[in-house]
Amino acid sequence: MRVRDLAVFLVKTTTVLLSVAVFFIVFRVRKDTPLIAVAEKEQALFWLMPCLTFFVLLWFCMAREKRVRWTVADLLACVLLAYVVFRSGSRTEYAWAVPVALGCLYLNLRIVFSLSRGVVPVLVLALLSTGIAEAVTGLMQLYGMASSNHSLFGMTGSFFNPGPYSNYLAVIVPVAFYYVLTLRAVPAVLSASKGRARFVRLSNPDTLIYYASWLFLLLALVVLPATRGRIAWLAVLGSGLVAVCRETPAPAYIRKFYRRRKFLFATIGSAVLVLVVVSLVGLYRYKKDSAGGRWLIWNVSAQLIRENPAFGVGTGCFAGAYGNAQEASFVSGAMTEDQVRVAGAPDYAFNDFLQITVETGAAGALLFLSVVVLSFRGLARRRDGLLYGLTSLMIVSLASYPLNLLPFCILLVFFIAAAQDDGRSGRRFPAVVSVALLSGTFAWSCCAVSGAEKRYRALQDWKLLQGAYQLQDYRFVAGEYEELY
């Protein structure tokens, strides 16, 4: 092997390993406070970005094909990022750090996938590995072998609440289900092979993905019912139904059955419809106050959208704007007794599409929806299993807050980046454009690391000061808090 080939191999391997490490940020958590746990994950992302960008830049410069086909979705994603930063409600440097870091991750993944589409299965295997680890962690917490991160819930995985935990599993379940459906012939080939050939085939990513998918599905079937996550169950059923309709001959069998047994088909269809309605009513009554609280949040959010339709209230300003709007509803007497009983002070809209519209207005919502729709189209054309992961994530976003949590944002960036550049012919930009983008990303990432480290130390000092605050030494902590803020 020539020296250049060896160098390219080492750079490529390091780049792939760093890309895999991004998915394992979900396990970067300390059992302290949710705020510090969030900072832990953000800090890990900021440290990984300059390293990943540096090796992507090296790989790109060493590669023989140095052109990337940038798509309309890439342009819209850049415009959306700029708009989110411009509409930020906070003018501090750190307020822009996370969105820009996710933009840097998107750029790196887009170029890596353009250089080698074979990296995608490796990252899918990494995603399944995080799902398996989360499911095992949940089982250990369920049986008392590990403590959860919330005193009121026995099972939270690496999250601080069973809701995001169940949603994370629900996003990965349809991906695993797809690979179980499409790679089901692999074990038969393996059983017929001999010893040496079997070892070679086991090193194939498709084979590893198949067995990892089966293992994760078996674990998820045990863990998900115990999480009591209603939207997670609906997301699994919805995305799984889409996968069955697209990847199996089930629709053809149903049409054939309809033509031959119309009366029996109508009877079964009516029974299924009744079962679905009863199940939905049961899910509503299962946690009636929770559903009522979310309905109230959506109503107030809709009021905020009517008041700020074009450009919203500003990125990161949902909680404050919601509090003011809810206070006005209290004063006007427009709330019913049931609404007053379930009213609270939420940080999220429990519907990411509503929250995006509240914060960025119709302009930001249209940009976001355009990127998502183009990503759906790209994954559907490729017949990629990530299509069903994106479907599940969008369903979860209808009644929860996944896109406010960093692990889900990383998943969304991965899905969107994997949906682009399907190998079709088209205009490719010269290498200088990609090198300039990577160089700017590397410079920004290096600057962001110091800012993240400073904020993280301030959060740790704030946690230490909580003892003095609880002892009501307010004069002392007031001065310290001002400096930390």
Protein backbone atom coordinates (compact mmCIF):
# COMPACT_ATOMS: atom_id res chain seq x y z
CA MET A 1 0.00 0.00 0.00
CA ARG A 2 1.37 3.38 -0.98
CA VAL A 3 1.93 6.10 1.59
CA ARG A 4 -0.83 8.25 0.07
CA ASP A 5 -3.34 5.40 0.15
CA LEU A 6 -2.46 4.68 3.77
CA ALA A 7 -2.88 8.35 4.70
CA VAL A 8 -6.27 8.51 2.96
CA PHE A 9 -7.38 5.33 4.75
CA LEU A 10 -6.37 6.71 8.17
CA VAL A 11 -8.06 10.07 7.53
CA LYS A 12 -11.21 8.38 6.28
CA THR A 13 -11.34 6.00 9.26
CA THR A 14 -10.85 8.86 11.73
CA THR A 15 -13.58 10.90 10.04
CA VAL A 16 -16.04 8.02 10.23
CA LEU A 17 -15.22 7.38 13.90
CA LEU A 18 -15.74 11.06 14.75
CA SER A 19 -19.05 11.01 12.86
CA VAL A 20 -20.11 7.96 14.86
CA ALA A 21 -19.13 9.72 18.09
CA VAL A 22 -21.68 12.46 17.35
CA PHE A 23 -24.55 9.97 17.87
CA PHE A 24 -23.16 8.91 21.25
CA ILE A 25 -23.49 12.46 22.57
CA VAL A 26 -26.91 11.27 23.79
CA PHE A 27 -25.10 9.39 26.61
CA ARG A 28 -23.15 12.48 27.72
CA VAL A 29 -25.14 13.17 30.89
CA ARG A 30 -24.51 13.81 34.56
CA LYS A 31 -27.11 13.12 37.21
CA ASP A 32 -27.04 16.69 38.44
CA THR A 33 -29.61 19.03 36.89
CA PRO A 34 -31.19 19.03 33.43
CA LEU A 35 -29.53 22.39 32.68
CA ILE A 36 -26.03 21.03 33.28
CA ALA A 37 -26.91 17.82 31.43
CA VAL A 38 -27.90 19.88 28.39
CA ALA A 39 -24.63 21.81 28.67
CA GLU A 40 -22.72 18.49 28.77
CA LYS A 41 -24.17 17.45 25.42
CA GLU A 42 -23.65 20.88 23.86
CA GLN A 43 -20.07 20.97 25.08
CA ALA A 44 -19.39 17.56 23.52
CA LEU A 45 -20.80 18.76 20.19
CA PHE A 46 -18.64 21.89 20.27
CA TRP A 47 -15.51 19.84 20.98
CA LEU A 48 -16.29 17.35 18.20
CA MET A 49 -17.00 19.92 15.48
CA PRO A 50 -13.45 21.30 14.96
CA CYS A 51 -11.99 17.78 15.03
CA LEU A 52 -14.56 16.43 12.58
CA THR A 53 -14.26 19.44 10.28
CA PHE A 54 -10.47 19.18 10.22
CA PHE A 55 -10.49 15.55 9.11
CA VAL A 56 -13.33 16.12 6.61
CA LEU A 57 -11.23 18.91 5.11
CA LEU A 58 -8.19 16.60 4.91
CA TRP A 59 -10.23 13.80 3.31
CA PHE A 60 -11.78 16.20 0.82
CA CYS A 61 -8.39 17.58 -0.22
CA MET A 62 -6.94 14.06 -0.61
CA ALA A 63 -9.89 12.69 -2.56
CA ARG A 64 -9.63 12.43 -6.34
CA GLU A 65 -13.21 13.66 -6.84
CA LYS A 66 -13.32 17.09 -5.17
CA ARG A 67 -16.73 18.31 -6.22
CA VAL A 68 -19.98 18.27 -4.22
CA ARG A 69 -23.42 18.56 -5.77
CA TRP A 70 -25.22 21.16 -3.66
CA THR A 71 -29.02 20.95 -3.83
CA VAL A 72 -31.97 23.27 -3.33
CA ALA A 73 -32.49 21.74 0.12
CA ASP A 74 -28.92 22.75 1.04
CA LEU A 75 -29.63 26.34 0.04
CA LEU A 76 -32.89 26.41 1.99
CA ALA A 77 -31.17 24.90 5.03
CA CYS A 78 -28.53 27.66 4.93
CA VAL A 79 -31.22 30.33 4.63
CA LEU A 80 -33.14 28.76 7.53
CA LEU A 81 -30.00 28.74 9.71
CA ALA A 82 -29.26 32.38 8.93
CA TYR A 83 -32.87 33.33 9.63
CA VAL A 84 -32.92 31.49 12.98
CA VAL A 85 -29.72 33.24 14.06
CA PHE A 86 -30.98 36.63 12.85
CA ARG A 87 -34.29 36.22 14.71
CA SER A 88 -32.63 35.11 17.94
CA GLY A 89 -34.19 36.78 20.96
CA SER A 90 -30.82 36.88 22.72
CA ARG A 91 -27.91 38.88 21.35
CA THR A 92 -25.28 36.93 23.28
CA GLU A 93 -22.72 34.98 21.30
CA TYR A 94 -23.73 31.70 22.91
CA ALA A 95 -27.35 31.99 21.73
CA TRP A 96 -26.15 31.39 18.19
CA ALA A 97 -23.73 28.60 19.07
CA VAL A 98 -26.01 25.53 18.97
CA PRO A 99 -27.82 26.33 15.68
CA VAL A 100 -24.53 27.12 13.97
CA ALA A 101 -22.95 23.96 15.39
CA LEU A 102 -25.79 21.91 13.91
CA GLY A 103 -25.26 23.72 10.61
CA CYS A 104 -21.57 22.76 10.76
CA LEU A 105 -22.54 19.15 11.40
CA TYR A 106 -24.86 19.23 8.39
CA LEU A 107 -22.10 20.59 6.16
CA ASN A 108 -19.65 17.93 7.33
CA LEU A 109 -22.12 15.07 6.82
CA ARG A 110 -23.10 16.33 3.36
CA ILE A 111 -19.48 16.36 2.19
CA VAL A 112 -18.72 13.00 3.83
CA PHE A 113 -21.72 11.38 2.12
CA SER A 114 -20.66 12.92 -1.21
CA LEU A 115 -17.17 11.46 -0.82
CA SER A 116 -18.41 8.01 0.19
CA ARG A 117 -22.03 6.93 0.32
CA GLY A 118 -20.84 3.83 2.19
CA VAL A 119 -20.53 5.90 5.36
CA VAL A 120 -24.33 6.02 5.69
CA PRO A 121 -24.73 2.32 6.69
CA VAL A 122 -21.98 2.75 9.28
CA LEU A 123 -23.85 5.67 10.84
CA VAL A 124 -27.12 3.71 10.69
CA LEU A 125 -25.37 0.96 12.65
CA ALA A 126 -24.20 3.58 15.16
CA LEU A 127 -27.79 4.85 15.47
CA LEU A 128 -29.06 1.32 16.13
CA SER A 129 -26.30 0.85 18.71
CA THR A 130 -27.45 3.91 20.63
CA GLY A 131 -31.01 2.52 20.54
CA ILE A 132 -29.84 -0.83 21.91
CA ALA A 133 -27.85 0.86 24.67
CA GLU A 134 -30.82 3.08 25.58
CA ALA A 135 -33.16 0.08 25.69
CA VAL A 136 -30.75 -1.90 27.90
CA THR A 137 -30.38 1.12 30.20
CA GLY A 138 -34.17 1.39 30.46
CA LEU A 139 -34.49 -2.30 31.32
CA MET A 140 -31.83 -1.96 34.02
CA GLN A 141 -33.70 1.01 35.48
CA LEU A 142 -37.00 -0.84 35.26
CA TYR A 143 -35.64 -3.79 37.27
CA GLY A 144 -33.79 -1.63 39.80
CA MET A 145 -30.27 -2.38 38.59
CA ALA A 146 -29.68 1.28 37.71
CA SER A 147 -31.16 4.54 38.95
CA SER A 148 -33.19 6.82 36.70
CA ASN A 149 -32.53 10.53 36.18
CA HIS A 150 -35.89 11.62 37.64
CA SER A 151 -37.17 10.98 41.15
CA LEU A 152 -40.79 10.61 39.96
CA PHE A 153 -40.10 8.10 37.18
CA GLY A 154 -38.40 4.76 37.32
CA MET A 155 -37.25 4.65 33.69
CA THR A 156 -35.73 7.56 31.77
CA GLY A 157 -32.75 6.08 29.91
CA SER A 158 -30.08 8.73 29.48
CA PHE A 159 -32.76 11.46 29.45
CA PHE A 160 -34.39 13.27 32.38
CA ASN A 161 -37.95 12.32 31.47
CA PRO A 162 -39.61 9.17 30.08
CA GLY A 163 -41.28 11.23 27.33
CA PRO A 164 -38.11 12.11 25.35
CA TYR A 165 -36.75 8.65 26.15
CA SER A 166 -39.73 6.88 24.56
CA ASN A 167 -39.65 9.31 21.63
CA TYR A 168 -35.99 8.53 20.97
CA LEU A 169 -36.72 4.82 20.84
CA ALA A 170 -39.79 5.46 18.67
CA VAL A 171 -37.69 7.27 16.05
CA ILE A 172 -35.30 4.32 15.73
CA VAL A 173 -37.94 1.53 15.76
CA PRO A 174 -39.21 2.07 12.16
CA VAL A 175 -35.62 2.26 10.87
CA ALA A 176 -34.88 -1.12 12.44
CA PHE A 177 -38.21 -2.48 11.19
CA TYR A 178 -37.31 -1.47 7.62
CA TYR A 179 -34.01 -3.33 7.72
CA VAL A 180 -35.64 -6.42 9.19
CA LEU A 181 -38.08 -6.37 6.25
CA THR A 182 -35.58 -5.69 3.48
CA LEU A 183 -32.56 -7.68 4.70
CA ARG A 184 -34.44 -10.79 5.79
CA ALA A 185 -32.61 -13.01 3.21
CA VAL A 186 -29.17 -12.38 4.75
CA PRO A 187 -29.24 -15.09 7.48
CA ALA A 188 -30.06 -17.81 4.90
CA VAL A 189 -26.95 -16.84 2.93
CA LEU A 190 -24.85 -16.87 6.09
CA SER A 191 -26.04 -20.31 7.20
CA ALA A 192 -25.04 -21.78 3.82
CA SER A 193 -21.56 -20.26 3.86
CA LYS A 194 -18.40 -21.81 5.26
CA GLY A 195 -16.27 -20.66 8.12
CA ARG A 196 -14.01 -18.14 6.39
CA ALA A 197 -16.78 -16.78 4.17
CA ARG A 198 -19.06 -16.45 7.19
CA PHE A 199 -16.49 -14.26 8.95
CA VAL A 200 -16.14 -12.08 5.85
CA ARG A 201 -19.91 -11.66 5.54
CA LEU A 202 -20.31 -10.81 9.22
CA SER A 203 -18.04 -7.83 8.62
CA ASN A 204 -20.54 -6.58 6.04
CA PRO A 205 -22.47 -3.56 7.42
CA ASP A 206 -25.76 -4.93 6.05
CA THR A 207 -25.36 -8.13 8.06
CA LEU A 208 -24.51 -6.24 11.23
CA ILE A 209 -27.43 -3.87 10.63
CA TYR A 210 -29.80 -6.82 10.22
CA TYR A 211 -28.87 -8.46 13.54
CA ALA A 212 -28.69 -5.11 15.36
CA SER A 213 -32.18 -4.29 14.05
CA TRP A 214 -33.60 -7.55 15.36
CA LEU A 215 -31.94 -7.09 18.75
CA PHE A 216 -33.18 -3.52 19.09
CA LEU A 217 -36.75 -4.40 18.05
CA LEU A 218 -36.94 -7.18 20.63
CA LEU A 219 -35.68 -4.86 23.38
CA ALA A 220 -37.92 -1.97 22.28
CA LEU A 221 -41.03 -4.17 22.37
CA VAL A 222 -40.34 -4.72 26.07
CA VAL A 223 -39.31 -1.17 26.98
CA LEU A 224 -41.72 1.03 24.98
CA PRO A 225 -44.97 -0.14 26.64
CA ALA A 226 -43.47 0.60 30.06
CA THR A 227 -42.61 4.21 29.14
CA ARG A 228 -46.32 5.16 28.89
CA GLY A 229 -45.46 7.43 25.95
CA ARG A 230 -48.67 7.78 23.95
CA ILE A 231 -47.23 9.83 21.10
CA ALA A 232 -44.32 7.38 20.86
CA TRP A 233 -46.75 4.48 20.42
CA LEU A 234 -48.65 6.40 17.73
CA ALA A 235 -45.40 7.29 15.96
CA VAL A 236 -44.29 3.66 15.89
CA LEU A 237 -47.67 2.51 14.56
CA GLY A 238 -47.90 5.31 11.98
CA SER A 239 -44.38 4.98 10.58
CA GLY A 240 -44.58 1.18 10.75
CA LEU A 241 -47.80 1.24 8.72
CA VAL A 242 -46.11 3.42 6.09
CA ALA A 243 -43.19 0.96 5.95
CA VAL A 244 -45.52 -2.01 5.50
CA CYS A 245 -47.41 -0.25 2.71
CA ARG A 246 -44.22 0.69 0.85
CA GLU A 247 -41.97 -2.29 1.45
CA THR A 248 -44.38 -5.26 1.36
CA PRO A 249 -47.09 -6.46 -1.08
CA ALA A 250 -49.73 -5.87 1.60
CA PRO A 251 -51.58 -3.11 -0.38
CA ALA A 252 -51.94 -5.46 -3.38
CA TYR A 253 -53.34 -8.21 -1.15
CA ILE A 254 -55.81 -5.77 0.41
CA ARG A 255 -57.02 -4.59 -3.02
CA LYS A 256 -57.39 -8.18 -4.16
CA PHE A 257 -59.34 -9.08 -1.00
CA TYR A 258 -61.58 -6.01 -1.50
CA ARG A 259 -62.47 -7.03 -5.05
CA ARG A 260 -63.35 -10.57 -4.00
CA ARG A 261 -64.99 -10.03 -0.57
CA LYS A 262 -66.42 -6.52 -0.49
CA PHE A 263 -68.94 -7.17 2.29
CA LEU A 264 -66.41 -8.92 4.52
CA PHE A 265 -63.89 -6.17 3.77
CA ALA A 266 -66.42 -3.51 4.83
CA THR A 267 -67.18 -5.43 8.03
CA ILE A 268 -63.51 -5.79 8.96
CA GLY A 269 -62.83 -2.17 8.03
CA SER A 270 -65.66 -0.94 10.26
CA ALA A 271 -64.40 -3.06 13.14
CA VAL A 272 -60.87 -1.68 12.70
CA LEU A 273 -62.22 1.89 12.56
CA VAL A 274 -64.18 1.37 15.78
CA LEU A 275 -61.09 -0.13 17.42
CA VAL A 276 -58.98 2.86 16.37
CA VAL A 277 -61.54 5.37 17.71
CA VAL A 278 -61.88 3.49 21.01
CA SER A 279 -58.08 3.31 21.33
CA LEU A 280 -57.68 7.05 20.70
CA VAL A 281 -60.37 7.85 23.28
CA GLY A 282 -58.66 5.50 25.71
CA LEU A 283 -55.30 7.19 25.14
CA TYR A 284 -56.94 10.56 25.77
CA ARG A 285 -58.58 9.44 29.01
CA TYR A 286 -55.39 7.62 30.09
CA LYS A 287 -53.77 11.00 30.83
CA LYS A 288 -56.67 13.41 30.50
CA ASP A 289 -55.05 16.33 32.35
CA SER A 290 -51.89 16.02 30.25
CA ALA A 291 -53.92 16.11 27.04
CA GLY A 292 -55.94 19.06 28.35
CA GLY A 293 -52.77 20.95 29.23
CA ARG A 294 -51.36 20.45 25.76
CA TRP A 295 -54.63 21.58 24.18
CA LEU A 296 -54.44 24.77 26.24
CA ILE A 297 -50.81 25.34 25.18
CA TRP A 298 -51.77 24.91 21.52
CA ASN A 299 -54.64 27.38 21.84
CA VAL A 300 -52.41 30.03 23.41
CA SER A 301 -49.72 29.31 20.79
CA ALA A 302 -52.28 29.82 18.02
CA GLN A 303 -53.14 33.16 19.60
CA LEU A 304 -49.45 34.13 19.53
CA ILE A 305 -49.26 33.19 15.85
CA ARG A 306 -52.25 35.41 15.05
CA GLU A 307 -50.55 38.31 16.84
CA ASN A 308 -47.14 37.78 15.14
CA PRO A 309 -47.92 35.98 11.88
CA ALA A 310 -45.03 36.93 9.62
CA PHE A 311 -41.79 36.77 11.64
CA GLY A 312 -42.80 35.47 15.08
CA VAL A 313 -41.68 36.53 18.54
CA GLY A 314 -38.02 35.57 18.11
CA THR A 315 -36.02 32.36 18.39
CA GLY A 316 -35.81 31.16 21.99
CA CYS A 317 -38.56 33.54 23.18
CA PHE A 318 -41.47 31.09 23.33
CA ALA A 319 -41.61 30.72 27.12
CA GLY A 320 -41.73 34.45 27.80
CA ALA A 321 -44.25 35.21 25.06
CA TYR A 322 -46.44 32.31 26.19
CA GLY A 323 -46.38 33.52 29.79
CA ASN A 324 -47.53 37.00 28.77
CA ALA A 325 -50.30 35.63 26.54
CA GLN A 326 -51.53 33.24 29.22
CA GLU A 327 -51.51 36.03 31.81
CA ALA A 328 -53.65 38.14 29.49
CA SER A 329 -56.10 35.22 29.15
CA PHE A 330 -56.29 34.93 32.94
CA VAL A 331 -56.97 38.66 33.34
CA SER A 332 -59.63 38.71 30.63
CA GLY A 333 -61.45 35.75 32.16
CA ALA A 334 -61.43 33.85 28.86
CA MET A 335 -60.22 30.62 30.47
CA THR A 336 -62.56 27.93 31.72
CA GLU A 337 -62.15 26.25 35.11
CA ASP A 338 -60.64 23.15 33.50
CA GLN A 339 -58.11 25.28 31.62
CA VAL A 340 -57.16 27.15 34.78
CA ARG A 341 -56.64 23.84 36.56
CA VAL A 342 -54.17 22.49 33.96
CA ALA A 343 -52.43 25.81 33.20
CA GLY A 344 -48.71 25.97 33.85
CA ALA A 345 -45.50 27.66 32.74
CA PRO A 346 -44.25 25.48 29.84
CA ASP A 347 -40.90 25.98 28.16
CA TYR A 348 -42.12 24.27 24.99
CA ALA A 349 -45.27 24.24 22.87
CA PHE A 350 -45.45 20.41 22.84
CA ASN A 351 -45.74 20.75 19.08
CA ASP A 352 -42.52 21.68 17.31
CA PHE A 353 -44.31 22.95 14.21
CA LEU A 354 -46.36 25.35 16.34
CA GLN A 355 -43.32 26.46 18.31
CA ILE A 356 -41.30 27.09 15.16
CA THR A 357 -44.15 29.18 13.80
CA VAL A 358 -44.53 31.09 17.07
CA GLU A 359 -40.82 31.89 17.25
CA THR A 360 -39.96 32.44 13.57
CA GLY A 361 -43.36 33.18 12.02
CA ALA A 362 -44.67 31.95 8.70
CA ALA A 363 -41.32 32.68 7.03
CA GLY A 364 -39.38 30.31 9.28
CA ALA A 365 -42.11 27.65 9.25
CA LEU A 366 -42.22 27.60 5.42
CA LEU A 367 -38.43 27.28 5.23
CA PHE A 368 -38.43 24.42 7.72
CA LEU A 369 -41.30 22.59 6.02
CA SER A 370 -39.66 23.01 2.62
CA VAL A 371 -36.43 21.39 3.83
CA VAL A 372 -38.36 18.52 5.45
CA VAL A 373 -40.53 17.90 2.37
CA LEU A 374 -37.49 17.86 0.06
CA SER A 375 -35.81 15.43 2.46
CA PHE A 376 -38.84 13.16 2.40
CA ARG A 377 -38.71 13.18 -1.40
CA GLY A 378 -34.99 12.40 -1.48
CA LEU A 379 -35.27 9.48 0.95
CA ALA A 380 -38.36 8.13 -0.84
CA ARG A 381 -36.55 8.14 -4.19
CA ARG A 382 -33.60 6.30 -2.66
CA ARG A 383 -35.89 3.83 -0.84
CA ASP A 384 -33.88 4.42 2.31
CA GLY A 385 -34.92 3.15 5.75
CA LEU A 386 -34.14 6.58 7.19
CA LEU A 387 -37.37 7.74 5.53
CA TYR A 388 -39.36 6.01 8.26
CA GLY A 389 -37.17 7.43 11.00
CA LEU A 390 -37.88 10.92 9.67
CA THR A 391 -41.59 10.05 9.47
CA SER A 392 -41.62 8.93 13.10
CA LEU A 393 -39.71 12.04 14.19
CA MET A 394 -42.25 14.30 12.49
CA ILE A 395 -45.15 12.42 14.12
CA VAL A 396 -43.51 12.74 17.53
CA SER A 397 -43.02 16.46 16.88
CA LEU A 398 -46.79 16.92 16.61
CA ALA A 399 -47.37 16.39 20.35
CA SER A 400 -43.97 16.66 22.04
CA TYR A 401 -40.79 18.76 21.95
CA PRO A 402 -38.02 16.60 20.39
CA LEU A 403 -36.50 19.39 18.30
CA ASN A 404 -35.78 21.33 21.50
CA LEU A 405 -33.39 18.56 22.58
CA LEU A 406 -29.93 18.17 21.06
CA PRO A 407 -29.99 14.37 20.38
CA PHE A 408 -33.14 14.72 18.26
CA CYS A 409 -31.68 17.71 16.40
CA ILE A 410 -28.65 15.56 15.55
CA LEU A 411 -30.97 12.85 14.22
CA LEU A 412 -32.86 15.41 12.10
CA VAL A 413 -29.59 16.76 10.66
CA PHE A 414 -28.52 13.19 9.83
CA PHE A 415 -31.81 12.39 8.10
CA ILE A 416 -31.76 15.59 6.03
CA ALA A 417 -28.09 15.24 5.06
CA ALA A 418 -28.59 11.60 4.02
CA ALA A 419 -31.53 12.60 1.81
CA GLN A 420 -29.46 14.87 -0.43
CA ASP A 421 -27.15 14.13 -3.38
CA ASP A 422 -28.67 10.91 -4.73
CA GLY A 423 -25.93 10.47 -7.33
CA ARG A 424 -27.88 11.98 -10.23
CA SER A 425 -26.05 14.08 -12.73
CA GLY A 426 -26.22 17.80 -12.24
CA ARG A 427 -24.13 20.88 -11.64
CA ARG A 428 -21.38 20.34 -9.12
CA PHE A 429 -19.63 23.22 -7.43
CA PRO A 430 -15.84 23.52 -7.66
CA ALA A 431 -13.61 22.37 -4.83
CA VAL A 432 -12.78 25.92 -3.73
CA VAL A 433 -16.37 26.47 -2.56
CA SER A 434 -16.37 23.39 -0.32
CA VAL A 435 -12.87 24.13 0.99
CA ALA A 436 -13.90 27.70 1.87
CA LEU A 437 -17.00 26.45 3.69
CA LEU A 438 -15.04 23.84 5.62
CA SER A 439 -12.31 26.32 6.53
CA GLY A 440 -14.87 28.81 7.84
CA THR A 441 -16.58 26.02 9.78
CA PHE A 442 -13.29 24.96 11.33
CA ALA A 443 -12.45 28.53 12.40
CA TRP A 444 -15.89 29.07 13.96
CA SER A 445 -15.77 25.72 15.74
CA CYS A 446 -12.44 26.53 17.36
CA CYS A 447 -13.87 29.83 18.64
CA ALA A 448 -17.05 28.15 19.92
CA VAL A 449 -15.12 25.67 22.06
CA SER A 450 -13.80 28.37 24.39
CA GLY A 451 -17.24 29.96 24.79
CA ALA A 452 -18.85 26.60 25.59
CA GLU A 453 -16.19 25.80 28.16
CA LYS A 454 -16.71 29.18 29.85
CA ARG A 455 -20.49 28.70 30.06
CA TYR A 456 -20.09 25.16 31.38
CA ARG A 457 -17.77 26.31 34.20
CA ALA A 458 -20.26 29.06 35.06
CA LEU A 459 -23.06 26.48 35.31
CA GLN A 460 -20.96 24.33 37.64
CA ASP A 461 -20.23 27.37 39.85
CA TRP A 462 -23.95 28.21 39.83
CA LYS A 463 -24.71 24.70 41.07
CA LEU A 464 -22.23 25.13 43.94
CA LEU A 465 -23.90 28.42 44.92
CA GLN A 466 -27.28 26.70 45.32
CA GLY A 467 -26.28 25.70 48.85
CA ALA A 468 -25.85 29.34 49.88
CA TYR A 469 -29.12 30.26 48.16
CA GLN A 470 -31.02 27.58 50.07
CA LEU A 471 -29.53 28.96 53.30
CA GLN A 472 -31.06 32.35 52.29
CA ASP A 473 -27.71 34.11 52.06
CA TYR A 474 -29.16 36.28 49.32
CA ARG A 475 -26.72 39.20 49.69
CA PHE A 476 -23.78 36.92 48.94
CA VAL A 477 -25.32 35.01 46.05
CA ALA A 478 -26.74 38.15 44.39
CA GLY A 479 -23.26 39.42 43.51
CA GLU A 480 -22.06 35.97 42.46
CA TYR A 481 -25.14 35.37 40.30
CA GLU A 482 -24.66 38.67 38.49
CA GLU A 483 -21.12 37.72 37.50
CA LEU A 484 -22.15 34.23 36.39
CA TYR A 485 -25.06 35.59 34.36
